[in-house]
Amino acid sequence: MDFDVDDAATLMALLDEKRPRRVTQSLLSGWDMLQTDLPSRERIESATAVLVGTGLATVDEDWGMLLTAEGARIRRAVPGRGLGMRQIPGILGAQLRARGVARADLTLPAALYDAAYSAYMEAAAHREERAYRRHWWETWKPRRQR
């Protein structure tokens, strides 16, 4: 259950109450930035189930996720000043543990996750290729141009 709460805290750090956040390349990118790993479909599903079951988020039929007013209040209470983004999920996790959590019965469609994962990996491959080309060009340029 601790793993679920930690993942729920990570997801909570990425959501807000005004714009639905879908399971897309952007969500995976944000998760990767915060946790330096990519979540599986099951981890996103489980994290969402904790937030929805605890009344801190909603999810629509297209897996657009929003924080509820209570979820947004908890999220806003975490001081942003002086903290690194990677510290926020830890603080939210402690608050979730103190609050107690419940789980909703949700199923994230594999097709939604697979499309997001493929888009994320394709974008990562393009970034890697651009970095390689930039490095190659910098090492190849004649000395007087450097």
C-alpha atoms as a PDB file:
ATOM      1  CA  MET A   1       0.000   0.000   0.000  1.00  0.00           C
ATOM      2  CA  ASP A   2       2.922   2.396   0.619  1.00  0.00           C
ATOM      3  CA  PHE A   3       3.905   2.052  -3.019  1.00  0.00           C
ATOM      4  CA  ASP A   4       0.358   3.035  -4.038  1.00  0.00           C
ATOM      5  CA  VAL A   5       0.425   6.090  -1.739  1.00  0.00           C
ATOM      6  CA  ASP A   6       3.816   7.211  -3.081  1.00  0.00           C
ATOM      7  CA  ASP A   7       2.548   6.869  -6.641  1.00  0.00           C
ATOM      8  CA  ALA A   8      -0.688   8.679  -5.741  1.00  0.00           C
ATOM      9  CA  ALA A   9       1.392  11.533  -4.299  1.00  0.00           C
ATOM     10  CA  THR A  10       3.443  11.722  -7.505  1.00  0.00           C
ATOM     11  CA  LEU A  11       0.276  11.816  -9.596  1.00  0.00           C
ATOM     12  CA  MET A  12      -1.262  14.399  -7.274  1.00  0.00           C
ATOM     13  CA  ALA A  13       1.766  16.645  -7.799  1.00  0.00           C
ATOM     14  CA  LEU A  14       1.097  16.564 -11.554  1.00  0.00           C
ATOM     15  CA  LEU A  15      -2.653  17.277 -11.449  1.00  0.00           C
ATOM     16  CA  ASP A  16      -4.630  20.452 -10.898  1.00  0.00           C
ATOM     17  CA  GLU A  17      -8.308  21.296 -10.449  1.00  0.00           C
ATOM     18  CA  LYS A  18      -8.885  23.326 -13.613  1.00  0.00           C
ATOM     19  CA  ARG A  19      -7.469  21.378 -16.553  1.00  0.00           C
ATOM     20  CA  PRO A  20      -7.981  17.649 -16.926  1.00  0.00           C
ATOM     21  CA  ARG A  21      -4.698  15.778 -17.282  1.00  0.00           C
ATOM     22  CA  ARG A  22      -4.923  12.718 -19.469  1.00  0.00           C
ATOM     23  CA  VAL A  23      -2.625   9.727 -19.650  1.00  0.00           C
ATOM     24  CA  THR A  24      -0.403  11.152 -22.382  1.00  0.00           C
ATOM     25  CA  GLN A  25       3.244  11.640 -23.200  1.00  0.00           C
ATOM     26  CA  SER A  26       3.102  14.794 -21.067  1.00  0.00           C
ATOM     27  CA  LEU A  27       1.940  12.921 -17.952  1.00  0.00           C
ATOM     28  CA  LEU A  28       4.663  10.305 -18.399  1.00  0.00           C
ATOM     29  CA  SER A  29       7.229  13.052 -18.932  1.00  0.00           C
ATOM     30  CA  GLY A  30       6.173  14.788 -15.719  1.00  0.00           C
ATOM     31  CA  TRP A  31       6.303  11.521 -13.775  1.00  0.00           C
ATOM     32  CA  ASP A  32       9.745  10.760 -15.199  1.00  0.00           C
ATOM     33  CA  MET A  33      10.937  14.231 -14.171  1.00  0.00           C
ATOM     34  CA  LEU A  34       9.715  13.756 -10.596  1.00  0.00           C
ATOM     35  CA  GLN A  35      10.673  10.118 -10.056  1.00  0.00           C
ATOM     36  CA  THR A  36      13.267   9.427 -12.774  1.00  0.00           C
ATOM     37  CA  ASP A  37      11.346   6.378 -13.932  1.00  0.00           C
ATOM     38  CA  LEU A  38       8.352   5.576 -16.067  1.00  0.00           C
ATOM     39  CA  PRO A  39       5.301   4.151 -14.360  1.00  0.00           C
ATOM     40  CA  SER A  40       3.592   1.052 -15.660  1.00  0.00           C
ATOM     41  CA  ARG A  41      -0.066   1.136 -16.632  1.00  0.00           C
ATOM     42  CA  GLU A  42      -0.852  -0.651 -13.378  1.00  0.00           C
ATOM     43  CA  ARG A  43       0.963   1.967 -11.300  1.00  0.00           C
ATOM     44  CA  ILE A  44      -0.944   4.849 -12.894  1.00  0.00           C
ATOM     45  CA  GLU A  45      -4.190   2.917 -12.500  1.00  0.00           C
ATOM     46  CA  SER A  46      -3.442   2.172  -8.834  1.00  0.00           C
ATOM     47  CA  ALA A  47      -2.374   5.755  -8.053  1.00  0.00           C
ATOM     48  CA  THR A  48      -5.535   7.099  -9.659  1.00  0.00           C
ATOM     49  CA  ALA A  49      -7.654   4.562  -7.755  1.00  0.00           C
ATOM     50  CA  VAL A  50      -6.183   5.843  -4.469  1.00  0.00           C
ATOM     51  CA  LEU A  51      -6.831   9.505  -5.313  1.00  0.00           C
ATOM     52  CA  VAL A  52     -10.369   8.855  -6.570  1.00  0.00           C
ATOM     53  CA  GLY A  53     -11.205   6.474  -3.722  1.00  0.00           C
ATOM     54  CA  THR A  54      -9.999   9.014  -1.172  1.00  0.00           C
ATOM     55  CA  GLY A  55     -12.033  11.788  -2.811  1.00  0.00           C
ATOM     56  CA  LEU A  56      -9.054  13.848  -3.899  1.00  0.00           C
ATOM     57  CA  ALA A  57      -9.424  13.441  -7.667  1.00  0.00           C
ATOM     58  CA  THR A  58     -11.949  12.563 -10.323  1.00  0.00           C
ATOM     59  CA  VAL A  59     -11.443  10.688 -13.575  1.00  0.00           C
ATOM     60  CA  ASP A  60     -13.731  10.814 -16.605  1.00  0.00           C
ATOM     61  CA  GLU A  61     -14.415   8.125 -19.194  1.00  0.00           C
ATOM     62  CA  ASP A  62     -11.469   9.352 -21.326  1.00  0.00           C
ATOM     63  CA  TRP A  63      -9.180   9.254 -18.277  1.00  0.00           C
ATOM     64  CA  GLY A  64      -9.078  13.003 -17.871  1.00  0.00           C
ATOM     65  CA  MET A  65      -8.010  13.455 -14.240  1.00  0.00           C
ATOM     66  CA  LEU A  66      -8.721  16.486 -12.070  1.00  0.00           C
ATOM     67  CA  LEU A  67      -8.120  17.230  -8.426  1.00  0.00           C
ATOM     68  CA  THR A  68     -11.271  17.811  -6.404  1.00  0.00           C
ATOM     69  CA  ALA A  69     -11.542  20.979  -4.319  1.00  0.00           C
ATOM     70  CA  GLU A  70     -10.163  19.032  -1.333  1.00  0.00           C
ATOM     71  CA  GLY A  71      -7.321  17.567  -3.407  1.00  0.00           C
ATOM     72  CA  ALA A  72      -6.452  21.024  -4.725  1.00  0.00           C
ATOM     73  CA  ARG A  73      -6.490  22.448  -1.191  1.00  0.00           C
ATOM     74  CA  ILE A  74      -4.020  19.783  -0.033  1.00  0.00           C
ATOM     75  CA  ARG A  75      -1.846  20.295  -3.121  1.00  0.00           C
ATOM     76  CA  ARG A  76      -1.763  24.088  -2.658  1.00  0.00           C
ATOM     77  CA  ALA A  77      -0.829  23.715   1.015  1.00  0.00           C
ATOM     78  CA  VAL A  78       2.555  22.297   0.019  1.00  0.00           C
ATOM     79  CA  PRO A  79       4.939  25.243  -0.012  1.00  0.00           C
ATOM     80  CA  GLY A  80       6.536  25.626  -3.427  1.00  0.00           C
ATOM     81  CA  ARG A  81       9.124  28.147  -2.377  1.00  0.00           C
ATOM     82  CA  GLY A  82      12.450  26.761  -1.348  1.00  0.00           C
ATOM     83  CA  LEU A  83      11.537  23.217  -2.344  1.00  0.00           C
ATOM     84  CA  GLY A  84      12.613  21.261  -5.349  1.00  0.00           C
ATOM     85  CA  MET A  85       9.836  19.703  -7.418  1.00  0.00           C
ATOM     86  CA  ARG A  86      11.062  16.243  -6.433  1.00  0.00           C
ATOM     87  CA  GLN A  87      10.366  16.970  -2.764  1.00  0.00           C
ATOM     88  CA  ILE A  88       6.668  17.716  -3.292  1.00  0.00           C
ATOM     89  CA  PRO A  89       5.518  14.090  -3.771  1.00  0.00           C
ATOM     90  CA  GLY A  90       7.206  13.114  -0.499  1.00  0.00           C
ATOM     91  CA  ILE A  91       5.323  15.809   1.397  1.00  0.00           C
ATOM     92  CA  LEU A  92       2.042  14.868  -0.286  1.00  0.00           C
ATOM     93  CA  GLY A  93       2.673  11.190   0.479  1.00  0.00           C
ATOM     94  CA  ALA A  94       3.092  11.936   4.178  1.00  0.00           C
ATOM     95  CA  GLN A  95      -0.169  13.888   4.135  1.00  0.00           C
ATOM     96  CA  LEU A  96      -1.980  11.038   2.369  1.00  0.00           C
ATOM     97  CA  ARG A  97      -0.687   8.497   4.897  1.00  0.00           C
ATOM     98  CA  ALA A  98      -1.817  10.692   7.804  1.00  0.00           C
ATOM     99  CA  ARG A  99      -5.227  11.107   6.195  1.00  0.00           C
ATOM    100  CA  GLY A 100      -5.750   7.455   5.356  1.00  0.00           C
ATOM    101  CA  VAL A 101      -6.605   6.293   1.868  1.00  0.00           C
ATOM    102  CA  ALA A 102      -9.233   4.212   0.127  1.00  0.00           C
ATOM    103  CA  ARG A 103      -9.237   2.725  -3.369  1.00  0.00           C
ATOM    104  CA  ALA A 104     -11.778   3.075  -6.167  1.00  0.00           C
ATOM    105  CA  ASP A 105     -12.278   0.285  -8.664  1.00  0.00           C
ATOM    106  CA  LEU A 106     -10.779   1.658 -11.896  1.00  0.00           C
ATOM    107  CA  THR A 107      -9.253   0.186 -15.026  1.00  0.00           C
ATOM    108  CA  LEU A 108      -6.935   2.230 -17.227  1.00  0.00           C
ATOM    109  CA  PRO A 109      -7.403   1.024 -20.812  1.00  0.00           C
ATOM    110  CA  ALA A 110      -4.199  -0.477 -22.149  1.00  0.00           C
ATOM    111  CA  ALA A 111      -4.646   1.349 -25.476  1.00  0.00           C
ATOM    112  CA  LEU A 112      -4.499   4.766 -23.752  1.00  0.00           C
ATOM    113  CA  TYR A 113      -1.380   3.862 -21.804  1.00  0.00           C
ATOM    114  CA  ASP A 114       0.324   2.179 -24.767  1.00  0.00           C
ATOM    115  CA  ALA A 115      -0.219   5.248 -26.982  1.00  0.00           C
ATOM    116  CA  ALA A 116       1.205   7.557 -24.291  1.00  0.00           C
ATOM    117  CA  TYR A 117       4.183   5.256 -23.683  1.00  0.00           C
ATOM    118  CA  SER A 118       4.964   4.994 -27.415  1.00  0.00           C
ATOM    119  CA  ALA A 119       4.768   8.777 -27.860  1.00  0.00           C
ATOM    120  CA  TYR A 120       7.033   9.331 -24.862  1.00  0.00           C
ATOM    121  CA  MET A 121       9.622   6.826 -26.062  1.00  0.00           C
ATOM    122  CA  GLU A 122       9.562   8.264 -29.598  1.00  0.00           C
ATOM    123  CA  ALA A 123      10.121  11.784 -28.246  1.00  0.00           C
ATOM    124  CA  ALA A 124      12.969  10.488 -26.066  1.00  0.00           C
ATOM    125  CA  ALA A 125      14.605   8.858 -29.088  1.00  0.00           C
ATOM    126  CA  HIS A 126      14.383  12.149 -31.002  1.00  0.00           C
ATOM    127  CA  ARG A 127      15.967  14.038 -28.074  1.00  0.00           C
ATOM    128  CA  GLU A 128      18.768  11.500 -27.919  1.00  0.00           C
ATOM    129  CA  GLU A 129      19.373  11.765 -31.678  1.00  0.00           C
ATOM    130  CA  ARG A 130      19.499  15.590 -31.510  1.00  0.00           C
ATOM    131  CA  ALA A 131      21.933  15.436 -28.595  1.00  0.00           C
ATOM    132  CA  TYR A 132      24.160  13.016 -30.528  1.00  0.00           C
ATOM    133  CA  ARG A 133      24.140  15.233 -33.613  1.00  0.00           C
ATOM    134  CA  ARG A 134      24.907  18.325 -31.552  1.00  0.00           C
ATOM    135  CA  HIS A 135      27.802  16.517 -29.840  1.00  0.00           C
ATOM    136  CA  TRP A 136      29.091  15.182 -33.167  1.00  0.00           C
ATOM    137  CA  TRP A 137      28.992  18.643 -34.750  1.00  0.00           C
ATOM    138  CA  GLU A 138      30.779  20.281 -31.810  1.00  0.00           C
ATOM    139  CA  THR A 139      33.592  17.707 -31.909  1.00  0.00           C
ATOM    140  CA  TRP A 140      33.885  17.770 -35.702  1.00  0.00           C
ATOM    141  CA  LYS A 141      33.943  21.564 -36.306  1.00  0.00           C
ATOM    142  CA  PRO A 142      37.330  22.944 -37.301  1.00  0.00           C
ATOM    143  CA  ARG A 143      39.153  24.507 -34.363  1.00  0.00           C
ATOM    144  CA  ARG A 144      38.844  28.112 -35.538  1.00  0.00           C
ATOM    145  CA  GLN A 145      35.039  27.893 -35.581  1.00  0.00           C
ATOM    146  CA  ARG A 146      34.765  26.699 -31.962  1.00  0.00           C
END
